[in-house]
Protein backbone atom coordinates (compact mmCIF):
# COMPACT_ATOMS: atom_id res chain seq x y z
CA MET A 1 -1.15 11.13 32.85
CA PRO A 2 -0.04 8.60 30.22
CA MET A 3 -2.50 6.27 28.52
CA SER A 4 -2.30 2.61 29.54
CA ALA A 5 -1.98 -0.30 27.14
CA ALA A 6 -5.43 -1.50 28.20
CA GLU A 7 -6.99 1.88 27.34
CA ILE A 8 -5.21 2.04 23.98
CA GLU A 9 -6.41 -1.44 23.05
CA LYS A 10 -9.94 -0.67 24.28
CA ARG A 11 -10.18 2.45 22.11
CA ILE A 12 -8.82 0.75 19.01
CA LYS A 13 -11.25 -2.16 19.43
CA ALA A 14 -14.15 0.24 20.00
CA ALA A 15 -13.37 1.91 16.66
CA ILE A 16 -12.37 -1.28 14.83
CA PRO A 17 -14.19 -4.18 16.54
CA ASP A 18 -12.45 -7.02 14.69
CA ALA A 19 -8.96 -5.61 15.33
CA VAL A 20 -6.16 -7.77 16.64
CA VAL A 21 -3.91 -5.37 18.55
CA GLU A 22 -0.32 -5.90 19.67
CA LEU A 23 1.23 -3.11 21.75
CA ARG A 24 4.84 -2.46 22.70
CA ASP A 25 5.95 0.15 25.24
CA LEU A 26 8.96 1.59 23.44
CA ALA A 27 10.50 3.51 26.33
CA GLY A 28 9.11 1.75 29.41
CA ASP A 29 7.22 4.89 30.39
CA ASP A 30 3.63 4.18 29.23
CA ASN A 31 4.04 7.23 27.01
CA HIS A 32 5.71 5.98 23.81
CA TRP A 33 3.89 3.09 22.13
CA ALA A 34 4.11 1.01 18.98
CA ALA A 35 0.99 -0.79 17.83
CA THR A 36 0.44 -3.44 15.22
CA VAL A 37 -3.23 -3.56 14.24
CA ILE A 38 -4.69 -6.25 11.99
CA SER A 39 -8.23 -5.91 10.69
CA GLU A 40 -10.30 -7.08 7.75
CA GLN A 41 -11.60 -3.50 7.59
CA PHE A 42 -8.18 -2.45 6.25
CA ARG A 43 -8.47 -4.61 3.13
CA GLY A 44 -8.41 -2.45 -0.01
CA LYS A 45 -7.57 0.75 1.90
CA THR A 46 -4.32 2.66 1.59
CA ARG A 47 -1.87 2.60 4.50
CA VAL A 48 -2.68 6.26 5.16
CA ASP A 49 -6.40 5.47 5.38
CA GLN A 50 -5.70 2.49 7.65
CA GLN A 51 -3.64 4.62 10.02
CA ARG A 52 -6.26 7.36 10.01
CA MET A 53 -8.81 4.78 11.13
CA VAL A 54 -6.60 3.86 14.10
CA ASN A 55 -5.74 7.46 14.96
CA ALA A 56 -9.41 8.45 14.86
CA ALA A 57 -9.99 6.16 17.84
CA PHE A 58 -8.14 8.68 20.02
CA GLY A 59 -9.59 12.00 18.88
CA ALA A 60 -8.14 14.94 20.81
CA ASP A 61 -6.12 12.59 23.04
CA MET A 62 -3.74 11.85 20.15
CA GLY A 63 -0.57 13.81 20.79
CA THR A 64 -1.67 14.87 24.28
CA THR A 65 -2.75 12.12 26.70
CA LEU A 66 -1.43 9.62 24.17
CA HIS A 67 1.91 11.27 23.54
CA SER A 68 3.39 8.95 20.91
CA LEU A 69 1.89 6.03 18.98
CA SER A 70 3.70 4.42 16.07
CA VAL A 71 1.16 2.40 14.06
CA GLN A 72 1.67 -0.51 11.69
CA THR A 73 -1.52 -1.77 10.04
CA LYS A 74 -2.47 -4.63 7.76
CA ALA A 75 -5.33 -6.83 6.67
CA PRO A 76 -5.24 -10.48 7.81
CA ASP A 77 -3.33 -12.94 5.60
């Protein structure tokens, strides 16, 4: 069963409480998502570290229940 937008946002915000999350369903199937995540916690971290923080919110569900998630991260302006 695919992961809903609400569940994706909930998990990201549980891991990164100040996150502003924007989700886009890339294929209209609740299975291929793009996320833009903005958080002060990203400031000073590499893009790889930022994306690892987001991916960690999903644990073993990444690549299984959550089939595809393209992540763009940044610190607030």
